[in-house]
N, C-alpha and C. Protein backbone atom coordinates (compact mmCIF):
# COMPACT_ATOMS: atom_id res chain seq x y z
N MET A 1 -55.84 -23.54 -7.69
CA MET A 1 -56.30 -23.05 -6.40
C MET A 1 -57.06 -24.18 -5.70
N ILE A 2 -56.71 -24.40 -4.42
CA ILE A 2 -57.39 -25.42 -3.66
C ILE A 2 -58.66 -24.82 -2.98
N THR A 3 -59.73 -25.46 -3.14
CA THR A 3 -61.00 -25.05 -2.45
C THR A 3 -61.28 -26.05 -1.33
N VAL A 4 -61.57 -25.57 -0.15
CA VAL A 4 -61.87 -26.40 0.97
C VAL A 4 -63.36 -26.50 1.18
N ASN A 5 -63.89 -27.69 1.25
CA ASN A 5 -65.29 -27.88 1.55
C ASN A 5 -65.49 -27.66 3.00
N MET A 6 -66.07 -26.53 3.36
CA MET A 6 -66.18 -26.13 4.77
C MET A 6 -67.16 -27.06 5.55
N THR A 7 -68.17 -27.61 4.85
CA THR A 7 -69.06 -28.52 5.55
C THR A 7 -68.27 -29.76 6.03
N LYS A 8 -67.48 -30.28 5.14
CA LYS A 8 -66.66 -31.48 5.53
C LYS A 8 -65.62 -31.06 6.54
N ALA A 9 -65.01 -29.94 6.37
CA ALA A 9 -63.99 -29.45 7.33
C ALA A 9 -64.60 -29.33 8.73
N ARG A 10 -65.81 -28.82 8.79
CA ARG A 10 -66.46 -28.68 10.13
C ARG A 10 -66.74 -30.06 10.74
N GLU A 11 -67.21 -30.97 9.84
CA GLU A 11 -67.44 -32.38 10.33
C GLU A 11 -66.22 -32.99 10.90
N ILE A 12 -65.07 -32.81 10.27
CA ILE A 12 -63.79 -33.26 10.76
C ILE A 12 -63.43 -32.64 12.07
N ALA A 13 -63.59 -31.29 12.15
CA ALA A 13 -63.29 -30.55 13.34
C ALA A 13 -64.16 -31.00 14.51
N HIS A 14 -65.45 -31.20 14.21
CA HIS A 14 -66.36 -31.60 15.32
C HIS A 14 -65.99 -33.04 15.80
N THR A 15 -65.60 -33.89 14.91
CA THR A 15 -65.16 -35.22 15.33
C THR A 15 -63.95 -35.10 16.25
N HIS A 16 -63.03 -34.30 15.83
CA HIS A 16 -61.83 -34.09 16.73
C HIS A 16 -62.23 -33.50 18.06
N ARG A 17 -63.17 -32.56 18.05
CA ARG A 17 -63.69 -31.91 19.30
C ARG A 17 -64.31 -32.96 20.20
N ARG A 18 -65.10 -33.89 19.60
CA ARG A 18 -65.79 -34.91 20.39
C ARG A 18 -64.78 -35.90 20.95
N VAL A 19 -63.74 -36.20 20.25
CA VAL A 19 -62.71 -37.14 20.79
C VAL A 19 -62.03 -36.47 22.02
N LYS A 20 -61.66 -35.22 21.87
CA LYS A 20 -61.02 -34.52 22.96
C LYS A 20 -61.97 -34.44 24.17
N ARG A 21 -63.24 -34.18 23.95
CA ARG A 21 -64.24 -34.11 25.01
C ARG A 21 -64.32 -35.49 25.70
N ALA A 22 -64.38 -36.56 24.95
CA ALA A 22 -64.48 -37.87 25.57
C ALA A 22 -63.25 -38.21 26.40
N GLU A 23 -62.04 -37.76 25.93
CA GLU A 23 -60.80 -37.92 26.69
C GLU A 23 -60.85 -37.16 28.04
N ALA A 24 -61.40 -35.98 27.99
CA ALA A 24 -61.56 -35.16 29.24
C ALA A 24 -62.57 -35.79 30.14
N PHE A 25 -63.64 -36.38 29.60
CA PHE A 25 -64.70 -36.97 30.45
C PHE A 25 -64.23 -38.30 31.11
N ALA A 26 -63.35 -39.03 30.50
CA ALA A 26 -63.01 -40.42 30.95
C ALA A 26 -62.66 -40.48 32.39
N PRO A 27 -61.75 -39.72 32.95
CA PRO A 27 -61.48 -39.83 34.37
C PRO A 27 -62.63 -39.41 35.28
N LEU A 28 -63.41 -38.47 34.76
CA LEU A 28 -64.59 -37.99 35.54
C LEU A 28 -65.73 -38.97 35.50
N ASP A 29 -65.83 -39.79 34.51
CA ASP A 29 -66.86 -40.83 34.45
C ASP A 29 -66.69 -41.78 35.59
N ILE A 30 -65.42 -42.09 35.89
CA ILE A 30 -65.15 -43.00 36.96
C ILE A 30 -65.32 -42.28 38.32
N ALA A 31 -64.85 -41.08 38.39
CA ALA A 31 -64.98 -40.31 39.62
C ALA A 31 -66.45 -40.05 39.99
N ALA A 32 -67.32 -39.96 39.04
CA ALA A 32 -68.68 -39.72 39.28
C ALA A 32 -69.37 -40.87 39.99
N THR A 33 -68.76 -42.01 39.97
CA THR A 33 -69.32 -43.20 40.64
C THR A 33 -68.85 -43.36 42.07
N ILE A 34 -67.89 -42.49 42.51
CA ILE A 34 -67.43 -42.59 43.84
C ILE A 34 -68.16 -41.52 44.67
N PRO A 35 -68.94 -41.99 45.64
CA PRO A 35 -69.85 -41.06 46.39
C PRO A 35 -69.08 -39.84 46.98
N SER A 36 -67.92 -40.02 47.53
CA SER A 36 -67.29 -38.87 48.22
C SER A 36 -66.78 -37.79 47.26
N ILE A 37 -66.62 -38.12 45.95
CA ILE A 37 -66.15 -37.08 45.03
C ILE A 37 -67.12 -36.94 43.82
N SER A 38 -68.27 -37.53 43.94
CA SER A 38 -69.20 -37.51 42.77
C SER A 38 -69.71 -36.11 42.45
N VAL A 39 -69.93 -35.28 43.46
CA VAL A 39 -70.47 -33.93 43.27
C VAL A 39 -69.49 -33.08 42.53
N GLN A 40 -68.21 -33.16 43.00
CA GLN A 40 -67.14 -32.40 42.30
C GLN A 40 -66.94 -32.86 40.88
N ALA A 41 -66.97 -34.19 40.68
CA ALA A 41 -66.79 -34.75 39.34
C ALA A 41 -67.92 -34.24 38.42
N GLU A 42 -69.10 -34.23 38.92
CA GLU A 42 -70.21 -33.70 38.04
C GLU A 42 -70.03 -32.26 37.78
N ASN A 43 -69.55 -31.49 38.72
CA ASN A 43 -69.32 -30.06 38.50
C ASN A 43 -68.26 -29.91 37.44
N ASP A 44 -67.22 -30.68 37.52
CA ASP A 44 -66.10 -30.65 36.52
C ASP A 44 -66.64 -31.03 35.10
N ARG A 45 -67.52 -32.04 35.11
CA ARG A 45 -68.12 -32.50 33.84
C ARG A 45 -68.94 -31.34 33.20
N GLN A 46 -69.69 -30.61 34.06
CA GLN A 46 -70.49 -29.51 33.59
C GLN A 46 -69.60 -28.43 32.92
N VAL A 47 -68.46 -28.15 33.55
CA VAL A 47 -67.52 -27.14 33.00
C VAL A 47 -67.11 -27.57 31.59
N ILE A 48 -66.76 -28.85 31.47
CA ILE A 48 -66.33 -29.37 30.19
C ILE A 48 -67.50 -29.22 29.14
N ARG A 49 -68.71 -29.57 29.58
CA ARG A 49 -69.91 -29.41 28.61
C ARG A 49 -69.99 -27.98 28.21
N GLU A 50 -69.95 -27.04 29.13
CA GLU A 50 -70.12 -25.67 28.79
C GLU A 50 -69.04 -25.13 27.84
N ASP A 51 -67.77 -25.54 28.13
CA ASP A 51 -66.65 -25.14 27.26
C ASP A 51 -66.83 -25.76 25.87
N ASP A 52 -67.28 -26.98 25.87
CA ASP A 52 -67.52 -27.66 24.55
C ASP A 52 -68.60 -26.98 23.79
N HIS A 53 -69.63 -26.59 24.43
CA HIS A 53 -70.74 -25.88 23.75
C HIS A 53 -70.28 -24.64 23.08
N VAL A 54 -69.43 -23.85 23.76
CA VAL A 54 -68.91 -22.62 23.21
C VAL A 54 -68.05 -22.96 22.00
N LEU A 55 -67.15 -23.93 22.10
CA LEU A 55 -66.29 -24.32 21.03
C LEU A 55 -67.11 -24.78 19.82
N GLN A 56 -68.15 -25.57 20.11
CA GLN A 56 -69.01 -26.05 18.99
C GLN A 56 -69.60 -24.84 18.22
N ALA A 57 -70.13 -23.88 18.91
CA ALA A 57 -70.71 -22.70 18.30
C ALA A 57 -69.66 -21.95 17.51
N GLN A 58 -68.46 -21.80 18.04
CA GLN A 58 -67.38 -21.15 17.29
C GLN A 58 -67.01 -21.91 16.05
N MET A 59 -67.00 -23.20 16.13
CA MET A 59 -66.62 -24.03 14.91
C MET A 59 -67.70 -23.84 13.90
N ASP A 60 -68.97 -23.86 14.31
CA ASP A 60 -70.08 -23.72 13.34
C ASP A 60 -70.03 -22.35 12.67
N ALA A 61 -69.57 -21.32 13.39
CA ALA A 61 -69.52 -19.96 12.79
C ALA A 61 -68.27 -19.67 12.01
N ALA A 62 -67.28 -20.53 12.07
CA ALA A 62 -66.06 -20.34 11.32
C ALA A 62 -66.33 -20.25 9.82
N LYS A 63 -65.78 -19.26 9.21
CA LYS A 63 -65.96 -19.03 7.78
C LYS A 63 -64.88 -19.49 6.88
N THR A 64 -63.68 -19.67 7.46
CA THR A 64 -62.51 -20.07 6.73
C THR A 64 -61.82 -21.33 7.32
N PRO A 65 -61.06 -22.03 6.55
CA PRO A 65 -60.29 -23.15 7.13
C PRO A 65 -59.34 -22.68 8.19
N GLU A 66 -58.79 -21.45 8.02
CA GLU A 66 -57.82 -20.92 8.97
C GLU A 66 -58.50 -20.70 10.31
N GLU A 67 -59.71 -20.13 10.33
CA GLU A 67 -60.45 -19.92 11.55
C GLU A 67 -60.75 -21.20 12.24
N LEU A 68 -61.11 -22.24 11.46
CA LEU A 68 -61.38 -23.57 12.02
C LEU A 68 -60.14 -24.15 12.60
N ALA A 69 -59.03 -24.07 11.94
CA ALA A 69 -57.79 -24.59 12.40
C ALA A 69 -57.34 -23.96 13.70
N GLU A 70 -57.54 -22.67 13.83
CA GLU A 70 -57.22 -21.95 15.05
C GLU A 70 -57.98 -22.54 16.23
N LEU A 71 -59.22 -22.90 16.07
CA LEU A 71 -60.01 -23.42 17.13
C LEU A 71 -59.65 -24.84 17.55
N MET A 72 -59.05 -25.55 16.61
CA MET A 72 -58.62 -26.95 16.93
C MET A 72 -57.38 -26.88 17.71
């Protein structure tokens, strides 16, 4: 029987989550420096932060590898 170390699995999942978040932020980081679209870019960045916060909490609460995999 294979036993999954959930602490390590969560670390891996969070690393994957952070990479995806950085990819989503990349175009907005540039847009945030352009005065005419900076407000919208910052609003879009806030949406990403809020969604990421929810996903992080869900990953921390996952009890099984299957639950964690679903979130990824």
